[in-house]
Amino acid sequence: MLHARNVSELLARNVDPQLYPRMFIMSPNGTLMAYSTPTDIKDLRDQAAVISMAWKDHHSSATPQSSPKKDAAAYAAAAAPAVETLTIEFQQNNVIVRAIQPNLLLVLVGSVPPATQGVFKITAESKGDARYPPVEVGEVEARVVEPSRDGDEAVAAGDENAAPKQNAASSIHSTVSQKEKDVKIGVLHIQRKKIDALTEYMRKDFNTKGFVMPDDGNFP
């Protein structure tokens, strides 16, 4: 079972008012499950409905329809991988959708610089595709902050407090250098790093707990 309150708290601790002020989790059919607060629930539902339509459209185009003329092995070999990430660049914000599981989507809504307003672009990525936006190899992951909990969650990945104190000076220098590098690449890159790190953390946590979102997308 997905604990919506706990997940909402995790999302709230990972938003940034300037870079990515909203995060939420939904099913591909548009059902909201958890979200950062505060939020306008009507606006959030409208946004989830638009994302659901875009996700289904690109997901179905990436997955070939079954054919009775093909045997199962041939069909599986020819089948294209399903969409794993959908990046939608709107005039007023960026929306990045990641599949945590086939029936569970993590959504990050980020701000855009004034210079990029007016752009509309949708980029779909399947597993194994090049990452969008493109970036150099070897970067550190975005920091994921663990919520205050009663001990049932593991420490979030990348917590700075876990680093040895004697390496504090070098860590600060490394962090500053990385931030400068991220800024040069662009705000969409920073937003993508955040959702990548949070996706990895949540997948590990769900796997540990044995949680799998059912196919029908029902949420109790």
Protein backbone atom coordinates (compact mmCIF):
# COMPACT_ATOMS: atom_id res chain seq x y z
CA MET A 1 0.00 0.00 0.00
CA LEU A 2 1.21 3.49 -0.86
CA HIS A 3 1.29 5.76 2.20
CA ALA A 4 0.18 9.01 0.60
CA ARG A 5 0.92 11.16 3.64
CA ASN A 6 4.51 9.92 3.95
CA VAL A 7 5.16 10.28 0.22
CA SER A 8 3.62 13.77 0.19
CA GLU A 9 5.95 14.78 3.00
CA LEU A 10 8.95 13.48 1.04
CA LEU A 11 7.88 15.46 -2.02
CA ALA A 12 7.34 18.63 0.03
CA ARG A 13 10.88 18.38 1.40
CA ASN A 14 12.34 18.13 -2.10
CA VAL A 15 10.64 21.05 -3.84
CA ASP A 16 12.41 24.34 -4.47
CA PRO A 17 10.33 27.55 -4.69
CA GLN A 18 12.42 28.91 -7.56
CA LEU A 19 13.46 25.84 -9.55
CA TYR A 20 10.79 23.16 -9.04
CA PRO A 21 7.93 24.38 -6.83
CA ARG A 22 5.64 21.39 -7.37
CA MET A 23 5.96 17.60 -7.36
CA PHE A 24 3.28 14.96 -7.35
CA ILE A 25 2.63 11.27 -7.99
CA MET A 26 -0.15 10.02 -10.21
CA SER A 27 -1.25 6.97 -12.14
CA PRO A 28 -1.13 7.02 -15.97
CA ASN A 29 -4.92 7.47 -15.97
CA GLY A 30 -4.60 10.77 -14.06
CA THR A 31 -5.41 9.66 -10.51
CA LEU A 32 -3.55 11.82 -7.98
CA MET A 33 -1.90 9.86 -5.17
CA ALA A 34 0.46 12.21 -3.37
CA TYR A 35 1.62 15.78 -3.84
CA SER A 36 3.69 18.54 -2.30
CA THR A 37 1.85 21.26 -0.42
CA PRO A 38 0.59 23.93 -0.46
CA THR A 39 -1.20 23.50 -3.77
CA ASP A 40 -4.36 24.41 -5.65
CA ILE A 41 -6.02 21.01 -5.93
CA LYS A 42 -8.21 22.01 -8.90
CA ASP A 43 -5.21 23.26 -10.85
CA LEU A 44 -3.32 20.10 -9.88
CA ARG A 45 -6.10 17.86 -11.17
CA ASP A 46 -6.27 19.78 -14.44
CA GLN A 47 -2.50 19.42 -14.82
CA ALA A 48 -2.67 15.68 -14.07
CA ALA A 49 -5.36 15.24 -16.74
CA VAL A 50 -3.20 16.94 -19.39
CA ILE A 51 -0.16 14.88 -18.39
CA SER A 52 -2.20 11.69 -18.51
CA MET A 53 -3.28 12.36 -22.08
CA ALA A 54 0.27 13.20 -23.19
CA TRP A 55 1.70 10.14 -21.44
CA LYS A 56 -0.83 7.74 -22.93
CA ASP A 57 -0.36 9.20 -26.40
CA HIS A 58 3.42 8.81 -26.39
CA HIS A 59 3.35 5.50 -24.51
CA SER A 60 0.97 3.92 -26.99
CA SER A 61 3.00 5.17 -29.95
CA ALA A 62 6.13 3.58 -28.47
CA THR A 63 4.44 0.21 -27.87
CA PRO A 64 3.37 -1.76 -30.98
CA GLN A 65 -0.08 -3.28 -31.05
CA SER A 66 -0.33 -7.06 -30.72
CA SER A 67 -0.84 -9.07 -33.87
CA PRO A 68 -2.34 -12.57 -34.05
CA LYS A 69 -0.02 -13.28 -37.01
CA LYS A 70 3.10 -13.09 -34.82
CA ASP A 71 4.13 -15.58 -32.22
CA ALA A 72 4.97 -14.30 -28.72
CA ALA A 73 8.75 -14.55 -29.14
CA ALA A 74 8.81 -12.62 -32.41
CA TYR A 75 6.50 -9.96 -31.04
CA ALA A 76 8.60 -9.52 -27.91
CA ALA A 77 11.75 -9.15 -29.98
CA ALA A 78 10.17 -6.50 -32.18
CA ALA A 79 8.46 -4.58 -29.38
CA ALA A 80 9.85 -1.11 -28.70
CA PRO A 81 10.60 -0.24 -25.06
CA ALA A 82 7.90 1.72 -23.29
CA VAL A 83 8.35 5.42 -22.55
CA GLU A 84 10.14 5.98 -19.24
CA THR A 85 10.53 9.77 -19.24
CA LEU A 86 8.45 12.51 -20.83
CA THR A 87 9.70 16.10 -20.82
CA ILE A 88 7.16 18.78 -21.74
CA GLU A 89 8.47 22.30 -22.19
CA PHE A 90 5.59 24.75 -21.91
CA GLN A 91 5.67 28.53 -22.23
CA GLN A 92 5.45 29.04 -18.46
CA ASN A 93 7.02 25.90 -17.00
CA ASN A 94 8.79 22.62 -17.60
CA VAL A 95 7.08 19.34 -16.73
CA ILE A 96 9.15 16.17 -16.35
CA VAL A 97 7.32 12.86 -15.93
CA ARG A 98 9.17 9.73 -14.80
CA ALA A 99 7.78 6.21 -14.52
CA ILE A 100 8.76 4.96 -11.06
CA GLN A 101 6.87 1.80 -11.95
CA PRO A 102 4.80 1.04 -15.09
CA ASN A 103 1.65 2.31 -13.33
CA LEU A 104 3.15 4.98 -11.11
CA LEU A 105 4.38 8.34 -12.39
CA LEU A 106 6.46 10.96 -10.59
CA VAL A 107 5.93 14.49 -11.91
CA LEU A 108 8.16 17.54 -11.40
CA VAL A 109 6.86 20.96 -12.40
CA GLY A 110 9.68 23.46 -12.80
CA SER A 111 10.04 27.12 -13.61
CA VAL A 112 11.62 28.45 -16.81
CA PRO A 113 13.89 31.46 -17.37
CA PRO A 114 12.22 34.44 -19.12
CA ALA A 115 14.51 33.98 -22.13
CA THR A 116 13.03 30.55 -22.89
CA GLN A 117 9.36 31.50 -22.62
CA GLY A 118 7.36 30.81 -25.76
CA VAL A 119 8.93 27.39 -26.32
CA PHE A 120 6.73 24.28 -26.61
CA LYS A 121 8.40 20.92 -27.02
CA ILE A 122 7.72 17.33 -25.98
CA THR A 123 10.56 14.84 -25.70
CA ALA A 124 9.87 11.17 -24.97
CA GLU A 125 12.59 8.81 -23.77
CA SER A 126 12.47 5.04 -23.60
CA LYS A 127 14.92 2.98 -21.58
CA GLY A 128 18.31 3.11 -23.26
CA ASP A 129 17.66 6.39 -25.09
CA ALA A 130 20.02 9.33 -24.71
CA ARG A 131 19.19 11.52 -21.75
CA TYR A 132 17.38 14.80 -22.39
CA PRO A 133 18.70 17.40 -22.00
CA PRO A 134 22.15 16.03 -22.96
CA VAL A 135 24.80 16.30 -20.28
CA GLU A 136 28.38 15.29 -19.64
CA VAL A 137 29.08 11.98 -17.90
CA GLY A 138 30.21 11.75 -14.27
CA GLU A 139 28.04 14.32 -12.55
CA VAL A 140 26.97 13.97 -8.96
CA GLU A 141 23.32 13.26 -8.25
CA ALA A 142 20.98 15.92 -6.94
CA ARG A 143 20.54 15.83 -3.19
CA VAL A 144 17.38 14.14 -1.92
CA VAL A 145 16.20 15.19 1.53
CA GLU A 146 14.67 12.59 3.81
CA PRO A 147 11.46 13.69 5.57
CA SER A 148 11.04 13.59 9.33
CA ARG A 149 9.71 10.10 9.95
CA ASP A 150 9.28 7.61 12.74
CA GLY A 151 12.06 5.35 11.51
CA ASP A 152 10.37 3.36 8.76
CA GLU A 153 12.32 5.03 5.93
CA ALA A 154 15.98 4.73 4.98
CA VAL A 155 18.21 7.78 4.85
CA ALA A 156 17.71 9.53 1.51
CA ALA A 157 20.41 9.19 -1.11
CA GLY A 158 23.09 11.86 -1.24
CA ASP A 159 22.63 13.33 2.22
CA GLU A 160 25.53 15.72 2.82
CA ASN A 161 25.47 14.96 6.55
CA ALA A 162 26.69 11.44 5.81
CA ALA A 163 30.05 12.72 4.54
CA PRO A 164 33.08 12.55 6.90
CA LYS A 165 33.72 15.85 8.67
CA GLN A 166 37.39 15.91 7.71
CA ASN A 167 36.38 16.18 4.05
CA ALA A 168 34.11 19.18 4.58
CA ALA A 169 36.38 21.70 2.82
CA SER A 170 36.88 19.57 -0.28
CA SER A 171 33.18 18.70 -0.34
CA ILE A 172 32.21 22.37 -0.29
CA HIS A 173 34.63 23.12 -3.13
CA SER A 174 33.30 20.17 -5.14
CA THR A 175 29.67 21.21 -4.53
CA VAL A 176 30.29 24.79 -5.61
CA SER A 177 32.07 23.65 -8.77
CA GLN A 178 29.23 21.27 -9.61
CA LYS A 179 26.60 23.93 -9.03
CA GLU A 180 28.41 26.30 -11.34
CA LYS A 181 28.56 23.57 -13.95
CA ASP A 182 24.86 22.80 -13.57
CA VAL A 183 23.90 26.46 -13.94
CA LYS A 184 25.85 26.68 -17.20
CA ILE A 185 24.07 23.63 -18.61
CA GLY A 186 20.67 25.07 -17.77
CA VAL A 187 17.66 24.97 -15.47
CA LEU A 188 16.06 21.99 -17.25
CA HIS A 189 19.20 19.98 -16.54
CA ILE A 190 19.00 20.86 -12.83
CA GLN A 191 15.34 19.84 -12.75
CA ARG A 192 16.13 16.57 -14.50
CA LYS A 193 18.89 15.78 -11.99
CA LYS A 194 16.45 16.25 -9.13
CA ILE A 195 13.77 13.97 -10.53
CA ASP A 196 16.38 11.35 -11.49
CA ALA A 197 17.71 11.23 -7.93
CA LEU A 198 14.26 11.15 -6.38
CA THR A 199 13.13 8.42 -8.78
CA GLU A 200 16.09 6.25 -7.85
CA TYR A 201 15.42 6.70 -4.15
CA MET A 202 11.71 5.92 -4.43
CA ARG A 203 12.27 2.86 -6.61
CA LYS A 204 14.68 1.42 -4.06
CA ASP A 205 12.30 2.19 -1.21
CA PHE A 206 9.30 0.60 -2.96
CA ASN A 207 11.36 -2.46 -3.88
CA THR A 208 12.45 -2.86 -0.27
CA LYS A 209 8.84 -2.67 0.92
CA GLY A 210 7.54 -4.87 -1.91
CA PHE A 211 5.08 -2.24 -3.11
CA VAL A 212 3.85 -2.58 -6.70
CA MET A 213 1.16 -0.36 -8.16
CA PRO A 214 -1.62 -2.58 -9.59
CA ASP A 215 -2.30 -2.59 -13.32
CA ASP A 216 -5.76 -1.09 -13.05
CA GLY A 217 -4.37 2.05 -11.36
CA ASN A 218 -6.82 1.84 -8.48
CA PHE A 219 -5.75 3.68 -5.37
CA PRO A 220 -7.40 2.76 -2.03
